Amino acid sequence: MQILVVDDNRLIREMVSAIITHEGYTPFSASGAEEAHTVLNNTAIDLILMDVEMPNVNGFELTRQIRTRLKEQWLPIIFLTGQTNDQHLAEGIDAGGDDYLTKPVNSVILSAKIRAMSRIAQMKAALDEANQQLLKLTHVDSLTEAINRRGMDEALDRAWRVAQREKTELSIVLLDIDHFKPYNDNYGHPQGDECLKSFSKILQGQLFRPADLLARYGGEEFMIILPNTPVEGAKMLADRIIIALADNNIPHEFSSTCAHVTASLGITSTRFGAKNAASLIEQTDKALYVAKHSGRNQHICFADMLTDSTAHLV
C-alpha cells in the first residue's frame, strides 16, 4: 500500500510516516490541500491519513474535494483529530471519512487500522476484478474475442452520440465472410470455428487506434466501428483487410470466388444522412448486399453504389 499522510505539523507527519514504514508500506506526506492534490495527481495512493484541524482548507473540506475528483474510485480516508465529540465525528463521516484516530496517535491502533484497510482494499480489488470478468463475459464473444452484439449496440450508440455532440465523422464497416456455409459444410463446424477465430484476429490486426472497435455482428458477420474517422479512412482500412486476408491465405477450396477465405464489405459514415445508429447499420447492410452480389471479395461504400452500375441491385 502507498499511504498519504496529510498534516500541517511536520513532526506528526514524520512520526506517522515512520509507523507506516515499519509496517512495510510506503508513506507520502503533504502539509496541506495543495500538496495533497499534487501527490494524488502523480501517485497511486491506496489510503489517506487526514489531519482535520489544518489552516486554509481543513481536513473535512479537503476530503470533500477528493471525493468529488475520485467519484468512481473508493479511496479510504482515516481522520486524525484531537476532538472526540459526536457532532464532530458525524461531520467527518458526512464529509466522506471512513474512520477516526484521535491524537496523540497510538502506534499500535494506527498499525491495526492500516492492516484492516489493507484487507478491505484487497477484497475490493478482487471484487473489481470479478466485475471486470463479468463485464467481459456479457460483452465479449467467447469464440472470436471480439465484442459481442450487445456490446456492439452499446458501443455504436455511444460513438453516435459523441459524433453528434462533437460534430465529428463516424464510419462503420460491415463484413461478411464469403461462402462461409460451404466452408462449414465441407470442412466441418470445428474448423469453421477456427476460421472465425483466425478471421477475427486478422481484422483486429488491422486496427491501430484504441478507439477502433471490432464486433461480431452475428454468425460470420463482423462490424468495425471507427469513431472520428472519415469514410476515406474506412475505405483504406477495407483495402488493408482484403490484402491481409490474401496474405494469410486461409484455404477455401469450396469458394466460387477465390481459393482462400475472402470477405465482402459494406461501408458508410455519418456524412451520408443517417438519422440514427440503426439507419447507419442499414446503409452498411445495403452496401454489403451490393458487394456480395457484384462479385464479392471487395468493398462498396453506401454513397458510391447509387452512382454506378450496381445501383439496380439495391
Protein backbone atom coordinates (compact mmCIF):
# COMPACT_ATOMS: atom_id res chain seq x y z
CA MET A 1 0.00 0.00 0.00
CA GLN A 2 1.01 3.60 -0.66
CA ILE A 3 -0.28 5.83 2.12
CA LEU A 4 -0.60 9.62 2.07
CA VAL A 5 -0.23 11.48 5.37
CA VAL A 6 -1.79 14.96 5.28
CA ASP A 7 -0.93 17.10 8.32
CA ASP A 8 0.32 20.65 8.74
CA ASN A 9 2.53 19.52 11.63
CA ARG A 10 5.90 18.24 10.33
CA LEU A 11 6.63 16.26 13.48
CA ILE A 12 3.34 14.35 13.23
CA ARG A 13 3.92 13.67 9.53
CA GLU A 14 7.33 12.20 10.28
CA MET A 15 6.08 10.14 13.24
CA VAL A 16 3.13 8.66 11.31
CA SER A 17 5.33 8.03 8.26
CA ALA A 18 7.76 6.10 10.46
CA ILE A 19 4.93 3.85 11.67
CA ILE A 20 3.82 3.26 8.07
CA THR A 21 7.37 2.36 7.03
CA HIS A 22 7.69 0.00 9.99
CA GLU A 23 4.56 -1.84 8.83
CA GLY A 24 6.14 -2.38 5.43
CA TYR A 25 4.15 0.22 3.48
CA THR A 26 5.26 3.32 1.58
CA PRO A 27 4.46 6.75 3.06
CA PHE A 28 3.92 10.02 1.20
CA SER A 29 3.36 13.28 3.00
CA ALA A 30 1.64 16.62 2.41
CA SER A 31 1.39 19.68 4.61
CA GLY A 32 -1.97 20.77 3.22
CA ALA A 33 -4.50 20.66 0.40
CA GLU A 34 -2.24 21.90 -2.40
CA GLU A 35 0.49 19.36 -1.71
CA ALA A 36 -2.10 16.59 -1.23
CA HIS A 37 -3.63 17.23 -4.65
CA THR A 38 -0.14 17.23 -6.20
CA VAL A 39 0.61 13.81 -4.70
CA LEU A 40 -2.75 12.42 -5.86
CA ASN A 41 -2.11 13.74 -9.37
CA ASN A 42 1.19 11.87 -9.62
CA THR A 43 0.88 8.81 -7.38
CA ALA A 44 -1.50 5.89 -6.99
CA ILE A 45 -2.47 6.31 -3.32
CA ASP A 46 -4.25 3.46 -1.51
CA LEU A 47 -5.05 5.14 1.83
CA ILE A 48 -5.08 8.69 3.22
CA LEU A 49 -4.44 9.61 6.85
CA MET A 50 -6.00 13.09 7.08
CA ASP A 51 -5.50 15.71 9.78
CA VAL A 52 -8.76 17.58 10.43
CA GLU A 53 -7.52 20.83 12.00
CA MET A 54 -5.49 22.48 9.24
CA PRO A 55 -5.31 26.16 8.18
CA ASN A 56 -6.89 27.41 4.93
CA VAL A 57 -8.51 24.11 3.87
CA ASN A 58 -9.36 21.80 6.77
CA GLY A 59 -9.43 18.02 6.55
CA PHE A 60 -13.21 17.79 6.06
CA GLU A 61 -13.20 20.20 3.11
CA LEU A 62 -10.15 18.53 1.54
CA THR A 63 -11.91 15.17 1.87
CA ARG A 64 -14.95 16.58 0.05
CA GLN A 65 -12.65 17.79 -2.73
CA ILE A 66 -11.01 14.38 -3.02
CA ARG A 67 -14.35 12.56 -3.07
CA THR A 68 -15.54 14.88 -5.86
CA ARG A 69 -12.49 14.26 -8.05
CA LEU A 70 -12.49 10.49 -7.45
CA LYS A 71 -16.19 9.79 -7.92
CA GLU A 72 -15.66 6.33 -9.45
CA GLN A 73 -12.85 5.29 -7.10
CA TRP A 74 -13.04 4.24 -3.48
CA LEU A 75 -10.07 5.60 -1.53
CA PRO A 76 -10.21 5.02 2.24
CA ILE A 77 -9.63 8.11 4.38
CA ILE A 78 -8.91 7.97 8.12
CA PHE A 79 -9.16 11.26 10.03
CA LEU A 80 -6.59 12.27 12.62
CA THR A 81 -8.17 14.65 15.12
CA GLY A 82 -7.88 15.91 18.64
CA GLN A 83 -11.65 16.20 19.06
CA THR A 84 -13.93 13.36 20.13
CA ASN A 85 -17.45 14.87 20.39
CA ASP A 86 -20.22 13.14 18.48
CA GLN A 87 -21.11 16.11 16.27
CA HIS A 88 -17.52 16.38 15.10
CA LEU A 89 -17.41 12.67 14.28
CA ALA A 90 -20.72 12.86 12.39
CA GLU A 91 -19.45 15.80 10.33
CA GLY A 92 -16.40 13.78 9.36
CA ILE A 93 -18.49 10.83 8.18
CA ASP A 94 -20.71 13.18 6.17
CA ALA A 95 -17.61 14.70 4.57
CA GLY A 96 -16.57 11.25 3.30
CA GLY A 97 -14.32 9.88 6.02
CA ASP A 98 -14.15 6.15 6.72
CA ASP A 99 -12.63 6.04 10.20
CA TYR A 100 -11.13 8.14 13.02
CA LEU A 101 -7.97 8.20 15.09
CA THR A 102 -7.57 10.61 17.99
CA LYS A 103 -4.37 12.47 18.66
CA PRO A 104 -1.86 11.78 20.00
CA VAL A 105 -1.70 8.85 17.59
CA ASN A 106 -1.32 5.44 19.19
CA SER A 107 1.12 3.43 17.05
CA VAL A 108 -0.50 0.07 17.87
CA ILE A 109 -4.00 1.24 16.93
CA LEU A 110 -2.74 3.01 13.80
CA SER A 111 -0.93 -0.14 12.65
CA ALA A 112 -4.07 -2.21 13.23
CA LYS A 113 -6.26 0.22 11.27
CA ILE A 114 -3.79 0.27 8.37
CA ARG A 115 -3.82 -3.53 8.24
CA ALA A 116 -7.62 -3.53 8.32
CA MET A 117 -7.82 -1.03 5.46
CA SER A 118 -5.31 -3.12 3.53
CA ARG A 119 -7.56 -6.18 3.82
CA ILE A 120 -10.57 -4.13 2.69
CA ALA A 121 -8.59 -2.77 -0.27
CA GLN A 122 -7.58 -6.31 -1.27
CA MET A 123 -11.18 -7.52 -1.09
CA LYS A 124 -12.32 -4.55 -3.18
CA ALA A 125 -9.62 -5.23 -5.76
CA ALA A 126 -10.78 -8.84 -6.00
CA LEU A 127 -14.38 -7.69 -6.37
CA ASP A 128 -13.41 -5.19 -9.08
CA GLU A 129 -11.58 -7.91 -10.98
CA ALA A 130 -14.59 -10.21 -10.72
CA ASN A 131 -16.84 -7.44 -12.01
CA GLN A 132 -14.49 -6.85 -14.94
CA GLN A 133 -14.59 -10.55 -15.78
CA LEU A 134 -18.38 -10.49 -15.59
CA LEU A 135 -18.47 -7.44 -17.87
CA LYS A 136 -16.20 -9.26 -20.30
CA LEU A 137 -18.48 -12.30 -20.29
CA THR A 138 -21.52 -10.16 -21.08
CA HIS A 139 -19.86 -8.01 -23.77
CA VAL A 140 -17.25 -10.23 -25.46
CA ASP A 141 -17.87 -13.07 -27.91
CA SER A 142 -16.20 -16.11 -26.33
CA LEU A 143 -15.21 -17.68 -29.66
CA THR A 144 -13.66 -14.77 -31.54
CA GLU A 145 -12.86 -12.46 -28.58
CA ALA A 146 -14.46 -9.61 -30.50
CA ILE A 147 -17.14 -7.51 -28.81
CA ASN A 148 -20.49 -9.32 -28.98
CA ARG A 149 -23.73 -7.94 -30.41
CA ARG A 150 -24.83 -6.48 -27.09
CA GLY A 151 -21.51 -4.73 -26.61
CA MET A 152 -21.59 -3.55 -30.22
CA ASP A 153 -25.01 -1.96 -29.84
CA GLU A 154 -23.88 -0.07 -26.74
CA ALA A 155 -20.56 1.00 -28.29
CA LEU A 156 -22.19 2.17 -31.52
CA ASP A 157 -24.79 4.14 -29.59
CA ARG A 158 -22.05 5.86 -27.58
CA ALA A 159 -19.99 6.56 -30.70
CA TRP A 160 -23.05 8.01 -32.45
CA ARG A 161 -23.84 10.36 -29.55
CA VAL A 162 -20.21 11.53 -29.35
CA ALA A 163 -20.10 12.15 -33.11
CA GLN A 164 -23.30 14.19 -32.93
CA ARG A 165 -22.15 16.18 -29.93
CA GLU A 166 -18.64 16.90 -31.20
CA LYS A 167 -19.60 17.24 -34.88
CA THR A 168 -17.12 14.54 -35.97
CA GLU A 169 -17.48 11.86 -38.61
CA LEU A 170 -18.24 8.28 -37.54
CA SER A 171 -17.63 5.47 -40.03
CA ILE A 172 -18.58 1.80 -39.80
CA VAL A 173 -17.70 -1.26 -41.85
CA LEU A 174 -19.89 -4.37 -42.07
CA LEU A 175 -18.10 -7.54 -43.19
CA ASP A 176 -19.35 -10.97 -44.26
CA ILE A 177 -17.09 -13.98 -44.89
CA ASP A 178 -17.68 -15.09 -48.47
CA HIS A 179 -19.21 -18.57 -48.94
CA PHE A 180 -18.94 -19.49 -45.27
CA LYS A 181 -21.74 -22.09 -45.42
CA PRO A 182 -19.84 -24.25 -47.94
CA TYR A 183 -16.77 -23.83 -45.72
CA ASN A 184 -18.66 -25.17 -42.69
CA ASP A 185 -20.41 -27.92 -44.68
CA ASN A 186 -17.19 -29.29 -46.15
CA TYR A 187 -14.53 -28.64 -43.52
CA GLY A 188 -16.83 -29.18 -40.54
CA HIS A 189 -18.01 -26.85 -37.80
CA PRO A 190 -14.90 -27.17 -35.58
CA GLN A 191 -12.77 -25.99 -38.50
CA GLY A 192 -15.38 -23.32 -39.17
CA ASP A 193 -14.88 -22.06 -35.63
CA GLU A 194 -11.13 -21.93 -36.21
CA CYS A 195 -11.75 -19.94 -39.37
CA LEU A 196 -13.87 -17.43 -37.47
CA LYS A 197 -11.16 -17.04 -34.82
CA SER A 198 -8.46 -16.53 -37.46
CA PHE A 199 -10.65 -14.10 -39.38
CA SER A 200 -11.28 -12.05 -36.23
CA LYS A 201 -7.58 -11.98 -35.42
CA ILE A 202 -6.75 -10.75 -38.93
CA LEU A 203 -9.32 -7.95 -38.64
CA GLN A 204 -8.06 -6.94 -35.20
CA GLY A 205 -4.54 -6.76 -36.60
CA GLN A 206 -5.62 -4.01 -38.98
CA LEU A 207 -6.96 -1.73 -36.22
CA PHE A 208 -4.27 0.61 -34.97
CA ARG A 209 -6.20 3.03 -32.73
CA PRO A 210 -7.56 2.20 -29.26
CA ALA A 211 -10.94 3.73 -30.12
CA ASP A 212 -11.49 1.48 -33.16
CA LEU A 213 -13.70 -1.45 -32.21
CA LEU A 214 -14.26 -4.88 -33.73
CA ALA A 215 -17.56 -6.63 -33.01
CA ARG A 216 -19.12 -9.91 -34.06
CA TYR A 217 -22.40 -8.84 -35.61
CA GLY A 218 -23.70 -12.40 -35.85
CA GLY A 219 -22.67 -15.71 -37.45
CA GLU A 220 -19.92 -14.92 -39.96
CA GLU A 221 -20.67 -11.18 -39.99
CA PHE A 222 -18.48 -8.64 -38.20
CA MET A 223 -18.67 -4.88 -37.73
CA ILE A 224 -15.89 -2.35 -37.25
CA ILE A 225 -16.77 0.93 -35.52
CA LEU A 226 -14.44 3.80 -36.41
CA PRO A 227 -15.03 6.94 -34.31
CA ASN A 228 -13.71 10.26 -35.62
CA THR A 229 -12.87 8.65 -38.98
CA PRO A 230 -13.76 10.00 -42.44
CA VAL A 231 -15.19 7.50 -44.90
CA GLU A 232 -11.96 7.66 -46.90
CA GLY A 233 -10.17 6.21 -43.87
CA ALA A 234 -12.72 3.40 -43.67
CA LYS A 235 -12.09 2.57 -47.34
CA MET A 236 -8.33 2.41 -46.71
CA LEU A 237 -8.98 0.02 -43.81
CA ALA A 238 -11.18 -2.13 -46.07
CA ASP A 239 -8.36 -2.32 -48.64
CA ARG A 240 -5.93 -3.41 -45.92
CA ILE A 241 -8.32 -6.12 -44.75
CA ILE A 242 -8.70 -7.57 -48.26
CA ILE A 243 -4.91 -7.62 -48.67
CA ALA A 244 -4.39 -9.13 -45.20
CA LEU A 245 -6.86 -11.95 -45.96
CA ALA A 246 -4.97 -12.70 -49.16
CA ASP A 247 -1.63 -12.65 -47.32
CA ASN A 248 -2.89 -15.02 -44.62
CA ASN A 249 -4.26 -17.32 -47.30
CA ILE A 250 -6.71 -19.39 -45.25
CA PRO A 251 -7.58 -22.22 -47.71
CA HIS A 252 -11.15 -22.34 -49.04
CA GLU A 253 -11.29 -24.77 -51.93
CA PHE A 254 -15.12 -24.71 -51.89
CA SER A 255 -15.37 -20.98 -52.59
CA SER A 256 -16.50 -19.93 -56.05
CA THR A 257 -14.78 -16.57 -55.51
CA CYS A 258 -11.22 -17.43 -54.54
CA ALA A 259 -9.04 -20.29 -53.28
CA HIS A 260 -8.64 -18.57 -49.92
CA VAL A 261 -11.08 -17.08 -47.41
CA THR A 262 -12.28 -13.66 -48.55
CA ALA A 263 -14.83 -11.14 -47.35
CA SER A 264 -17.33 -8.68 -48.73
CA LEU A 265 -17.51 -5.30 -47.02
CA GLY A 266 -20.10 -2.53 -46.80
CA ILE A 267 -19.02 0.95 -45.71
CA THR A 268 -20.79 4.12 -44.65
CA SER A 269 -20.40 7.13 -42.38
CA THR A 270 -22.46 9.82 -40.71
CA ARG A 271 -21.67 12.02 -43.72
CA PHE A 272 -24.45 10.39 -45.74
CA GLY A 273 -27.59 11.44 -43.92
CA ALA A 274 -28.20 8.62 -41.40
CA LYS A 275 -30.71 9.77 -38.77
CA ASN A 276 -29.53 7.40 -36.05
CA ALA A 277 -27.25 4.44 -35.40
CA ALA A 278 -29.84 1.97 -36.72
CA SER A 279 -30.06 3.73 -40.08
CA LEU A 280 -26.26 3.79 -40.22
CA ILE A 281 -26.31 -0.01 -39.97
CA GLU A 282 -29.00 -0.17 -42.67
CA GLN A 283 -26.72 1.77 -45.02
CA THR A 284 -23.82 -0.64 -44.49
CA ASP A 285 -26.16 -3.58 -44.94
CA LYS A 286 -27.27 -2.26 -48.33
CA ALA A 287 -23.67 -1.62 -49.36
CA LEU A 288 -22.68 -5.12 -48.22
CA TYR A 289 -25.54 -6.61 -50.26
CA VAL A 290 -24.22 -4.90 -53.38
CA ALA A 291 -20.64 -6.03 -52.65
CA LYS A 292 -21.79 -9.65 -52.34
CA HIS A 293 -23.95 -9.62 -55.46
CA SER A 294 -21.44 -7.90 -57.69
CA GLY A 295 -18.50 -10.24 -57.28
CA ARG A 296 -17.59 -10.48 -53.55
CA ASN A 297 -14.05 -10.03 -52.19
CA GLN A 298 -14.48 -6.25 -52.41
CA HIS A 299 -15.81 -3.26 -50.54
CA ILE A 300 -18.67 -0.98 -51.55
CA CYS A 301 -19.48 2.39 -49.98
CA PHE A 302 -23.11 3.33 -49.49
CA ALA A 303 -22.57 6.73 -51.10
CA ASP A 304 -20.79 5.33 -54.17
CA MET A 305 -23.06 2.43 -55.02
CA LEU A 306 -26.00 4.56 -56.18
CA THR A 307 -23.89 6.29 -58.81
CA ASP A 308 -22.51 3.23 -60.56
CA SER A 309 -23.86 0.24 -62.46
CA THR A 310 -24.61 -1.73 -59.27
CA ALA A 311 -27.46 0.60 -58.28
CA HIS A 312 -30.07 -1.77 -59.68
CA LEU A 313 -29.10 -4.37 -57.05
CA VAL A 314 -30.36 -2.25 -54.15
